[in-house]
PDB file of all heavy atoms in Angstrom:
ATOM      1  N   ARG A   1     -12.378 -17.619 -44.588  1.00  0.00           N
ATOM      2  CA  ARG A   1     -13.198 -17.812 -43.365  1.00  0.00           C
ATOM      3  C   ARG A   1     -14.672 -17.880 -43.693  1.00  0.00           C
ATOM      4  O   ARG A   1     -15.420 -18.672 -43.106  1.00  0.00           O
ATOM      5  CB  ARG A   1     -12.917 -16.685 -42.376  1.00  0.00           C
ATOM      6  CG  ARG A   1     -11.549 -16.777 -41.719  1.00  0.00           C
ATOM      7  CD  ARG A   1     -11.285 -15.546 -40.846  1.00  0.00           C
ATOM      8  NE  ARG A   1      -9.999 -15.628 -40.170  1.00  0.00           N
ATOM      9  CZ  ARG A   1      -9.403 -14.621 -39.550  1.00  0.00           C
ATOM     10  NH1 ARG A   1     -10.000 -13.428 -39.531  1.00  0.00           N
ATOM     11  NH2 ARG A   1      -8.245 -14.783 -38.958  1.00  0.00           N
ATOM     12  N   ARG A   2     -15.115 -17.042 -44.643  1.00  0.00           N
ATOM     13  CA  ARG A   2     -16.539 -17.010 -44.956  1.00  0.00           C
ATOM     14  C   ARG A   2     -16.988 -18.342 -45.542  1.00  0.00           C
ATOM     15  O   ARG A   2     -18.044 -18.859 -45.185  1.00  0.00           O
ATOM     16  CB  ARG A   2     -16.838 -15.887 -45.977  1.00  0.00           C
ATOM     17  CG  ARG A   2     -18.322 -15.770 -46.336  1.00  0.00           C
ATOM     18  CD  ARG A   2     -19.113 -15.260 -45.134  1.00  0.00           C
ATOM     19  NE  ARG A   2     -20.546 -15.414 -45.294  1.00  0.00           N
ATOM     20  CZ  ARG A   2     -21.278 -16.423 -44.839  1.00  0.00           C
ATOM     21  NH1 ARG A   2     -20.678 -17.433 -44.193  1.00  0.00           N
ATOM     22  NH2 ARG A   2     -22.570 -16.462 -45.011  1.00  0.00           N
ATOM     23  N   MET A   3     -16.178 -18.934 -46.417  1.00  0.00           N
ATOM     24  CA  MET A   3     -16.538 -20.214 -46.982  1.00  0.00           C
ATOM     25  C   MET A   3     -16.509 -21.311 -45.937  1.00  0.00           C
ATOM     26  O   MET A   3     -17.373 -22.192 -45.904  1.00  0.00           O
ATOM     27  CB  MET A   3     -15.597 -20.549 -48.142  1.00  0.00           C
ATOM     28  CG  MET A   3     -15.765 -19.644 -49.347  1.00  0.00           C
ATOM     29  SD  MET A   3     -14.624 -20.055 -50.673  1.00  0.00           S
ATOM     30  CE  MET A   3     -15.268 -21.638 -51.176  1.00  0.00           C
ATOM     31  N   SER A   4     -15.504 -21.252 -45.053  1.00  0.00           N
ATOM     32  CA  SER A   4     -15.415 -22.235 -43.974  1.00  0.00           C
ATOM     33  C   SER A   4     -16.623 -22.142 -43.037  1.00  0.00           C
ATOM     34  O   SER A   4     -17.216 -23.163 -42.664  1.00  0.00           O
ATOM     35  CB  SER A   4     -14.119 -22.036 -43.183  1.00  0.00           C
ATOM     36  OG  SER A   4     -14.049 -22.939 -42.098  1.00  0.00           O
ATOM     37  N   ASP A   5     -16.995 -20.911 -42.692  1.00  0.00           N
ATOM     38  CA  ASP A   5     -18.160 -20.717 -41.820  1.00  0.00           C
ATOM     39  C   ASP A   5     -19.437 -21.213 -42.480  1.00  0.00           C
ATOM     40  O   ASP A   5     -20.278 -21.859 -41.836  1.00  0.00           O
ATOM     41  CB  ASP A   5     -18.309 -19.235 -41.460  1.00  0.00           C
ATOM     42  CG  ASP A   5     -17.286 -18.770 -40.454  1.00  0.00           C
ATOM     43  OD1 ASP A   5     -16.623 -19.627 -39.825  1.00  0.00           O
ATOM     44  OD2 ASP A   5     -17.133 -17.543 -40.289  1.00  0.00           O
ATOM     45  N   PHE A   6     -19.587 -20.915 -43.757  1.00  0.00           N
ATOM     46  CA  PHE A   6     -20.791 -21.363 -44.453  1.00  0.00           C
ATOM     47  C   PHE A   6     -20.839 -22.899 -44.507  1.00  0.00           C
ATOM     48  O   PHE A   6     -21.882 -23.498 -44.210  1.00  0.00           O
ATOM     49  CB  PHE A   6     -20.836 -20.788 -45.869  1.00  0.00           C
ATOM     50  CG  PHE A   6     -22.017 -21.262 -46.664  1.00  0.00           C
ATOM     51  CD1 PHE A   6     -23.277 -20.737 -46.443  1.00  0.00           C
ATOM     52  CD2 PHE A   6     -21.879 -22.271 -47.632  1.00  0.00           C
ATOM     53  CE1 PHE A   6     -24.391 -21.191 -47.143  1.00  0.00           C
ATOM     54  CE2 PHE A   6     -22.968 -22.717 -48.345  1.00  0.00           C
ATOM     55  CZ  PHE A   6     -24.226 -22.184 -48.096  1.00  0.00           C
ATOM     56  N   ASP A   7     -19.727 -23.516 -44.899  1.00  0.00           N
ATOM     57  CA  ASP A   7     -19.725 -24.965 -45.025  1.00  0.00           C
ATOM     58  C   ASP A   7     -19.911 -25.668 -43.683  1.00  0.00           C
ATOM     59  O   ASP A   7     -20.529 -26.735 -43.612  1.00  0.00           O
ATOM     60  CB  ASP A   7     -18.393 -25.438 -45.648  1.00  0.00           C
ATOM     61  CG  ASP A   7     -18.346 -25.160 -47.137  1.00  0.00           C
ATOM     62  OD1 ASP A   7     -19.399 -24.977 -47.745  1.00  0.00           O
ATOM     63  OD2 ASP A   7     -17.217 -25.114 -47.691  1.00  0.00           O
ATOM     64  N   SER A   8     -19.400 -25.097 -42.609  1.00  0.00           N
ATOM     65  CA  SER A   8     -19.469 -25.760 -41.319  1.00  0.00           C
ATOM     66  C   SER A   8     -20.689 -25.401 -40.480  1.00  0.00           C
ATOM     67  O   SER A   8     -21.146 -26.199 -39.651  1.00  0.00           O
ATOM     68  CB  SER A   8     -18.196 -25.445 -40.500  1.00  0.00           C
ATOM     69  OG  SER A   8     -18.085 -24.065 -40.283  1.00  0.00           O
ATOM     70  N   LYS A   9     -21.258 -24.214 -40.707  1.00  0.00           N
ATOM     71  CA  LYS A   9     -22.329 -23.757 -39.819  1.00  0.00           C
ATOM     72  C   LYS A   9     -23.646 -23.410 -40.534  1.00  0.00           C
ATOM     73  O   LYS A   9     -24.683 -23.360 -39.890  1.00  0.00           O
ATOM     74  CB  LYS A   9     -21.857 -22.509 -39.074  1.00  0.00           C
ATOM     75  CG  LYS A   9     -20.598 -22.711 -38.256  1.00  0.00           C
ATOM     76  CD  LYS A   9     -20.087 -21.367 -37.709  1.00  0.00           C
ATOM     77  CE  LYS A   9     -18.757 -21.527 -36.993  1.00  0.00           C
ATOM     78  NZ  LYS A   9     -18.244 -20.211 -36.512  1.00  0.00           N
ATOM     79  N   GLU A  10     -23.584 -23.146 -41.842  1.00  0.00           N
ATOM     80  CA  GLU A  10     -24.783 -22.608 -42.521  1.00  0.00           C
ATOM     81  C   GLU A  10     -25.142 -23.397 -43.771  1.00  0.00           C
ATOM     82  O   GLU A  10     -26.123 -23.057 -44.443  1.00  0.00           O
ATOM     83  CB  GLU A  10     -24.510 -21.154 -42.938  1.00  0.00           C
ATOM     84  CG  GLU A  10     -24.130 -20.236 -41.790  1.00  0.00           C
ATOM     85  CD  GLU A  10     -23.542 -18.929 -42.266  1.00  0.00           C
ATOM     86  OE1 GLU A  10     -22.541 -18.947 -43.004  1.00  0.00           O
ATOM     87  OE2 GLU A  10     -24.085 -17.874 -41.874  1.00  0.00           O
ATOM     88  N   TYR A  11     -24.409 -24.446 -44.069  1.00  0.00           N
ATOM     89  CA  TYR A  11     -24.592 -25.125 -45.358  1.00  0.00           C
ATOM     90  C   TYR A  11     -25.948 -25.794 -45.517  1.00  0.00           C
ATOM     91  O   TYR A  11     -26.433 -26.465 -44.612  1.00  0.00           O
ATOM     92  CB  TYR A  11     -23.487 -26.179 -45.570  1.00  0.00           C
ATOM     93  CG  TYR A  11     -23.555 -26.776 -46.945  1.00  0.00           C
ATOM     94  CD1 TYR A  11     -23.000 -26.122 -48.052  1.00  0.00           C
ATOM     95  CD2 TYR A  11     -24.218 -27.990 -47.168  1.00  0.00           C
ATOM     96  CE1 TYR A  11     -23.076 -26.648 -49.322  1.00  0.00           C
ATOM     97  CE2 TYR A  11     -24.297 -28.533 -48.442  1.00  0.00           C
ATOM     98  CZ  TYR A  11     -23.733 -27.859 -49.511  1.00  0.00           C
ATOM     99  OH  TYR A  11     -23.823 -28.382 -50.776  1.00  0.00           O
ATOM    100  N   ALA A  12     -26.549 -25.582 -46.659  1.00  0.00           N
ATOM    101  CA  ALA A  12     -27.748 -26.288 -47.091  1.00  0.00           C
ATOM    102  C   ALA A  12     -27.900 -26.048 -48.562  1.00  0.00           C
ATOM    103  O   ALA A  12     -27.295 -25.108 -49.126  1.00  0.00           O
ATOM    104  CB  ALA A  12     -28.992 -25.784 -46.340  1.00  0.00           C
ATOM    105  N   THR A  13     -28.666 -26.876 -49.258  1.00  0.00           N
ATOM    106  CA  THR A  13     -28.910 -26.631 -50.671  1.00  0.00           C
ATOM    107  C   THR A  13     -29.815 -25.426 -50.838  1.00  0.00           C
ATOM    108  O   THR A  13     -30.548 -25.046 -49.901  1.00  0.00           O
ATOM    109  CB  THR A  13     -29.508 -27.866 -51.368  1.00  0.00           C
ATOM    110  OG1 THR A  13     -29.412 -27.698 -52.780  1.00  0.00           O
ATOM    111  CG2 THR A  13     -30.951 -28.092 -50.964  1.00  0.00           C
ATOM    112  N   VAL A  14     -29.753 -24.815 -52.008  1.00  0.00           N
ATOM    113  CA  VAL A  14     -30.525 -23.602 -52.251  1.00  0.00           C
ATOM    114  C   VAL A  14     -31.696 -23.853 -53.181  1.00  0.00           C
ATOM    115  O   VAL A  14     -31.694 -24.798 -53.949  1.00  0.00           O
ATOM    116  CB  VAL A  14     -29.623 -22.477 -52.831  1.00  0.00           C
ATOM    117  CG1 VAL A  14     -28.529 -22.106 -51.845  1.00  0.00           C
ATOM    118  CG2 VAL A  14     -28.988 -22.926 -54.155  1.00  0.00           C
ATOM    119  N   ARG A  15     -32.709 -23.025 -53.047  1.00  0.00           N
ATOM    120  CA  ARG A  15     -33.860 -22.974 -53.930  1.00  0.00           C
ATOM    121  C   ARG A  15     -34.798 -24.176 -53.800  1.00  0.00           C
ATOM    122  O   ARG A  15     -35.811 -24.237 -54.455  1.00  0.00           O
ATOM    123  CB  ARG A  15     -33.426 -22.855 -55.415  1.00  0.00           C
ATOM    124  CG  ARG A  15     -32.603 -21.619 -55.714  1.00  0.00           C
ATOM    125  CD  ARG A  15     -32.451 -21.398 -57.192  1.00  0.00           C
ATOM    126  NE  ARG A  15     -31.697 -22.434 -57.845  1.00  0.00           N
ATOM    127  CZ  ARG A  15     -30.567 -22.251 -58.535  1.00  0.00           C
ATOM    128  NH1 ARG A  15     -30.058 -21.046 -58.626  1.00  0.00           N
ATOM    129  NH2 ARG A  15     -29.958 -23.244 -59.117  1.00  0.00           N
ATOM    130  N   ARG A  16     -34.485 -25.128 -52.951  1.00  0.00           N
ATOM    131  CA  ARG A  16     -35.295 -26.331 -52.874  1.00  0.00           C
ATOM    132  C   ARG A  16     -35.896 -26.564 -51.495  1.00  0.00           C
ATOM    133  O   ARG A  16     -37.026 -26.994 -51.364  1.00  0.00           O
ATOM    134  CB  ARG A  16     -34.448 -27.544 -53.283  1.00  0.00           C
ATOM    135  CG  ARG A  16     -34.071 -27.509 -54.757  1.00  0.00           C
ATOM    136  CD  ARG A  16     -33.059 -28.585 -55.087  1.00  0.00           C
ATOM    137  NE  ARG A  16     -32.688 -28.515 -56.500  1.00  0.00           N
ATOM    138  CZ  ARG A  16     -31.677 -29.189 -57.026  1.00  0.00           C
ATOM    139  NH1 ARG A  16     -30.921 -29.958 -56.281  1.00  0.00           N
ATOM    140  NH2 ARG A  16     -31.399 -29.080 -58.320  1.00  0.00           N
ATOM    141  N   GLY A  17     -35.095 -26.311 -50.459  1.00  0.00           N
ATOM    142  CA  GLY A  17     -35.568 -26.605 -49.110  1.00  0.00           C
ATOM    143  C   GLY A  17     -36.414 -25.489 -48.548  1.00  0.00           C
ATOM    144  O   GLY A  17     -35.985 -24.339 -48.486  1.00  0.00           O
ATOM    145  N   SER A  18     -37.620 -25.813 -48.136  1.00  0.00           N
ATOM    146  CA  SER A  18     -38.485 -24.808 -47.498  1.00  0.00           C
ATOM    147  C   SER A  18     -38.272 -24.746 -45.994  1.00  0.00           C
ATOM    148  O   SER A  18     -38.951 -24.007 -45.308  1.00  0.00           O
ATOM    149  CB  SER A  18     -39.952 -25.092 -47.807  1.00  0.00           C
ATOM    150  OG  SER A  18     -40.306 -26.389 -47.371  1.00  0.00           O
ATOM    151  N   TYR A  19     -37.307 -25.527 -45.509  1.00  0.00           N
ATOM    152  CA  TYR A  19     -36.965 -25.489 -44.105  1.00  0.00           C
ATOM    153  C   TYR A  19     -36.019 -24.321 -43.848  1.00  0.00           C
ATOM    154  O   TYR A  19     -35.470 -23.730 -44.771  1.00  0.00           O
ATOM    155  CB  TYR A  19     -36.312 -26.811 -43.682  1.00  0.00           C
ATOM    156  CG  TYR A  19     -35.290 -27.338 -44.642  1.00  0.00           C
ATOM    157  CD1 TYR A  19     -33.962 -26.905 -44.598  1.00  0.00           C
ATOM    158  CD2 TYR A  19     -35.645 -28.275 -45.622  1.00  0.00           C
ATOM    159  CE1 TYR A  19     -33.017 -27.385 -45.496  1.00  0.00           C
ATOM    160  CE2 TYR A  19     -34.712 -28.753 -46.523  1.00  0.00           C
ATOM    161  CZ  TYR A  19     -33.408 -28.309 -46.447  1.00  0.00           C
ATOM    162  OH  TYR A  19     -32.460 -28.759 -47.338  1.00  0.00           O
ATOM    163  N   THR A  20     -35.820 -24.000 -42.578  1.00  0.00           N
ATOM    164  CA  THR A  20     -35.149 -22.752 -42.202  1.00  0.00           C
ATOM    165  C   THR A  20     -33.750 -22.608 -42.786  1.00  0.00           C
ATOM    166  O   THR A  20     -33.438 -21.559 -43.384  1.00  0.00           O
ATOM    167  CB  THR A  20     -35.076 -22.656 -40.660  1.00  0.00           C
ATOM    168  OG1 THR A  20     -36.401 -22.655 -40.147  1.00  0.00           O
ATOM    169  CG2 THR A  20     -34.366 -21.378 -40.236  1.00  0.00           C
ATOM    170  N   ILE A  21     -32.883 -23.615 -42.637  1.00  0.00           N
ATOM    171  CA  ILE A  21     -31.515 -23.436 -43.075  1.00  0.00           C
ATOM    172  C   ILE A  21     -31.431 -23.388 -44.618  1.00  0.00           C
ATOM    173  O   ILE A  21     -30.554 -22.720 -45.174  1.00  0.00           O
ATOM    174  CB  ILE A  21     -30.554 -24.493 -42.511  1.00  0.00           C
ATOM    175  CG1 ILE A  21     -30.936 -25.912 -42.972  1.00  0.00           C
ATOM    176  CG2 ILE A  21     -30.506 -24.404 -41.002  1.00  0.00           C
ATOM    177  CD1 ILE A  21     -29.896 -26.960 -42.601  1.00  0.00           C
ATOM    178  N   GLY A  22     -32.353 -24.070 -45.292  1.00  0.00           N
ATOM    179  CA  GLY A  22     -32.390 -23.986 -46.760  1.00  0.00           C
ATOM    180  C   GLY A  22     -32.820 -22.613 -47.218  1.00  0.00           C
ATOM    181  O   GLY A  22     -32.256 -22.065 -48.178  1.00  0.00           O
ATOM    182  N   GLU A  23     -33.778 -22.029 -46.530  1.00  0.00           N
ATOM    183  CA  GLU A  23     -34.225 -20.685 -46.899  1.00  0.00           C
ATOM    184  C   GLU A  23     -33.131 -19.652 -46.615  1.00  0.00           C
ATOM    185  O   GLU A  23     -32.951 -18.701 -47.393  1.00  0.00           O
ATOM    186  CB  GLU A  23     -35.506 -20.339 -46.144  1.00  0.00           C
ATOM    187  CG  GLU A  23     -36.701 -21.152 -46.608  1.00  0.00           C
ATOM    188  CD  GLU A  23     -37.968 -20.838 -45.838  1.00  0.00           C
ATOM    189  OE1 GLU A  23     -37.848 -20.267 -44.728  1.00  0.00           O
ATOM    190  OE2 GLU A  23     -39.069 -21.159 -46.329  1.00  0.00           O
ATOM    191  N   ARG A  24     -32.404 -19.841 -45.515  1.00  0.00           N
ATOM    192  CA  ARG A  24     -31.314 -18.919 -45.212  1.00  0.00           C
ATOM    193  C   ARG A  24     -30.199 -19.010 -46.232  1.00  0.00           C
ATOM    194  O   ARG A  24     -29.646 -18.009 -46.670  1.00  0.00           O
ATOM    195  CB  ARG A  24     -30.787 -19.197 -43.800  1.00  0.00           C
ATOM    196  CG  ARG A  24     -31.727 -18.768 -42.694  1.00  0.00           C
ATOM    197  CD  ARG A  24     -31.188 -19.159 -41.339  1.00  0.00           C
ATOM    198  NE  ARG A  24     -32.056 -18.734 -40.247  1.00  0.00           N
ATOM    199  CZ  ARG A  24     -31.935 -19.121 -38.976  1.00  0.00           C
ATOM    200  NH1 ARG A  24     -30.925 -19.945 -38.630  1.00  0.00           N
ATOM    201  NH2 ARG A  24     -32.767 -18.688 -38.066  1.00  0.00           N
ATOM    202  N   ALA A  25     -29.838 -20.240 -46.634  1.00  0.00           N
ATOM    203  CA  ALA A  25     -28.792 -20.433 -47.621  1.00  0.00           C
ATOM    204  C   ALA A  25     -29.211 -19.816 -48.948  1.00  0.00           C
ATOM    205  O   ALA A  25     -28.408 -19.176 -49.644  1.00  0.00           O
ATOM    206  CB  ALA A  25     -28.483 -21.916 -47.807  1.00  0.00           C
ATOM    207  N   THR A  26     -30.464 -19.986 -49.307  1.00  0.00           N
ATOM    208  CA  THR A  26     -30.976 -19.401 -50.542  1.00  0.00           C
ATOM    209  C   THR A  26     -30.890 -17.868 -50.519  1.00  0.00           C
ATOM    210  O   THR A  26     -30.477 -17.232 -51.495  1.00  0.00           O
ATOM    211  CB  THR A  26     -32.434 -19.824 -50.806  1.00  0.00           C
ATOM    212  OG1 THR A  26     -32.488 -21.246 -50.925  1.00  0.00           O
ATOM    213  CG2 THR A  26     -32.985 -19.181 -52.075  1.00  0.00           C
ATOM    214  N   ALA A  27     -31.245 -17.295 -49.376  1.00  0.00           N
ATOM    215  CA  ALA A  27     -31.188 -15.829 -49.231  1.00  0.00           C
ATOM    216  C   ALA A  27     -29.747 -15.330 -49.389  1.00  0.00           C
ATOM    217  O   ALA A  27     -29.498 -14.305 -50.050  1.00  0.00           O
ATOM    218  CB  ALA A  27     -31.753 -15.413 -47.883  1.00  0.00           C
ATOM    219  N   MET A  28     -28.786 -16.043 -48.789  1.00  0.00           N
ATOM    220  CA  MET A  28     -27.389 -15.644 -48.893  1.00  0.00           C
ATOM    221  C   MET A  28     -26.904 -15.768 -50.333  1.00  0.00           C
ATOM    222  O   MET A  28     -26.190 -14.911 -50.848  1.00  0.00           O
ATOM    223  CB  MET A  28     -26.529 -16.482 -47.960  1.00  0.00           C
ATOM    224  CG  MET A  28     -26.694 -16.147 -46.496  1.00  0.00           C
ATOM    225  SD  MET A  28     -25.595 -17.096 -45.407  1.00  0.00           S
ATOM    226  CE  MET A  28     -26.477 -18.630 -45.269  1.00  0.00           C
ATOM    227  N   TYR A  29     -27.268 -16.869 -50.984  1.00  0.00           N
ATOM    228  CA  TYR A  29     -26.868 -17.118 -52.357  1.00  0.00           C
ATOM    229  C   TYR A  29     -27.425 -16.035 -53.286  1.00  0.00           C
ATOM    230  O   TYR A  29     -26.704 -15.464 -54.118  1.00  0.00           O
ATOM    231  CB  TYR A  29     -27.405 -18.489 -52.776  1.00  0.00           C
ATOM    232  CG  TYR A  29     -27.068 -18.928 -54.168  1.00  0.00           C
ATOM    233  CD1 TYR A  29     -25.895 -19.617 -54.454  1.00  0.00           C
ATOM    234  CD2 TYR A  29     -27.971 -18.741 -55.223  1.00  0.00           C
ATOM    235  CE1 TYR A  29     -25.596 -20.055 -55.734  1.00  0.00           C
ATOM    236  CE2 TYR A  29     -27.698 -19.178 -56.510  1.00  0.00           C
ATOM    237  CZ  TYR A  29     -26.512 -19.837 -56.749  1.00  0.00           C
ATOM    238  OH  TYR A  29     -26.235 -20.269 -58.029  1.00  0.00           O
ATOM    239  N   GLU A  30     -28.682 -15.689 -53.120  1.00  0.00           N
ATOM    240  CA  GLU A  30     -29.299 -14.690 -53.978  1.00  0.00           C
ATOM    241  C   GLU A  30     -28.795 -13.276 -53.657  1.00  0.00           C
ATOM    242  O   GLU A  30     -28.796 -12.416 -54.542  1.00  0.00           O
ATOM    243  CB  GLU A  30     -30.817 -14.746 -53.872  1.00  0.00           C
ATOM    244  CG  GLU A  30     -31.432 -16.007 -54.464  1.00  0.00           C
ATOM    245  CD  GLU A  30     -31.109 -16.162 -55.955  1.00  0.00           C
ATOM    246  OE1 GLU A  30     -31.020 -15.122 -56.655  1.00  0.00           O
ATOM    247  OE2 GLU A  30     -30.943 -17.309 -56.395  1.00  0.00           O
ATOM    248  N   ASP A  31     -28.326 -13.075 -52.434  1.00  0.00           N
ATOM    249  CA  ASP A  31     -27.745 -11.773 -52.103  1.00  0.00           C
ATOM    250  C   ASP A  31     -26.466 -11.546 -52.899  1.00  0.00           C
ATOM    251  O   ASP A  31     -26.160 -10.382 -53.272  1.00  0.00           O
ATOM    252  CB  ASP A  31     -27.464 -11.682 -50.605  1.00  0.00           C
ATOM    253  CG  ASP A  31     -26.856 -10.337 -50.212  1.00  0.00           C
ATOM    254  OD1 ASP A  31     -27.554  -9.304 -50.387  1.00  0.00           O
ATOM    255  OD2 ASP A  31     -25.707 -10.301 -49.755  1.00  0.00           O
ATOM    256  N   VAL A  32     -25.736 -12.607 -53.203  1.00  0.00           N
ATOM    257  CA  VAL A  32     -24.514 -12.461 -54.007  1.00  0.00           C
ATOM    258  C   VAL A  32     -24.900 -11.995 -55.416  1.00  0.00           C
ATOM    259  O   VAL A  32     -24.207 -11.202 -56.033  1.00  0.00           O
ATOM    260  CB  VAL A  32     -23.717 -13.764 -54.045  1.00  0.00           C
ATOM    261  CG1 VAL A  32     -22.454 -13.574 -54.905  1.00  0.00           C
ATOM    262  CG2 VAL A  32     -23.331 -14.198 -52.641  1.00  0.00           C
ATOM    263  N   ARG A  33     -26.024 -12.474 -55.910  1.00  0.00           N
ATOM    264  CA  ARG A  33     -26.472 -12.017 -57.232  1.00  0.00           C
ATOM    265  C   ARG A  33     -26.704 -10.502 -57.230  1.00  0.00           C
ATOM    266  O   ARG A  33     -26.369  -9.823 -58.193  1.00  0.00           O
ATOM    267  CB  ARG A  33     -27.770 -12.767 -57.634  1.00  0.00           C
ATOM    268  CG  ARG A  33     -28.030 -12.760 -59.137  1.00  0.00           C
ATOM    269  CD  ARG A  33     -29.370 -13.404 -59.484  1.00  0.00           C
ATOM    270  NE  ARG A  33     -29.541 -14.725 -58.957  1.00  0.00           N
ATOM    271  CZ  ARG A  33     -29.143 -15.846 -59.539  1.00  0.00           C
ATOM    272  NH1 ARG A  33     -28.489 -15.795 -60.683  1.00  0.00           N
ATOM    273  NH2 ARG A  33     -29.366 -17.034 -58.988  1.00  0.00           N
ATOM    274  N   VAL A  34     -27.252 -10.019 -56.142  1.00  0.00           N
ATOM    275  CA  VAL A  34     -27.462  -8.565 -55.973  1.00  0.00           C
ATOM    276  C   VAL A  34     -26.098  -7.860 -55.955  1.00  0.00           C
ATOM    277  O   VAL A  34     -25.928  -6.797 -56.585  1.00  0.00           O
ATOM    278  CB  VAL A  34     -28.252  -8.263 -54.698  1.00  0.00           C
ATOM    279  CG1 VAL A  34     -28.360  -6.761 -54.469  1.00  0.00           C
ATOM    280  CG2 VAL A  34     -29.640  -8.903 -54.766  1.00  0.00           C
ATOM    281  N   GLN A  35     -25.125  -8.443 -55.245  1.00  0.00           N
ATOM    282  CA  GLN A  35     -23.790  -7.837 -55.180  1.00  0.00           C
ATOM    283  C   GLN A  35     -23.147  -7.752 -56.564  1.00  0.00           C
ATOM    284  O   GLN A  35     -22.510  -6.742 -56.899  1.00  0.00           O
ATOM    285  CB  GLN A  35     -22.899  -8.639 -54.251  1.00  0.00           C
ATOM    286  CG  GLN A  35     -23.258  -8.563 -52.779  1.00  0.00           C
ATOM    287  CD  GLN A  35     -22.343  -9.471 -51.955  1.00  0.00           C
ATOM    288  OE1 GLN A  35     -22.720 -10.568 -51.555  1.00  0.00           O
ATOM    289  NE2 GLN A  35     -21.145  -9.000 -51.743  1.00  0.00           N
TER     290      GLN A  35
END
């Protein structure tokens, strides 16, 4: 479900987009590194 939700509702490339959804995707991606 988490992957489906991300792909359908939150997907954006990471580390490159300074727009809102890109920054959110980057934050989620980097949070996994913390995990």
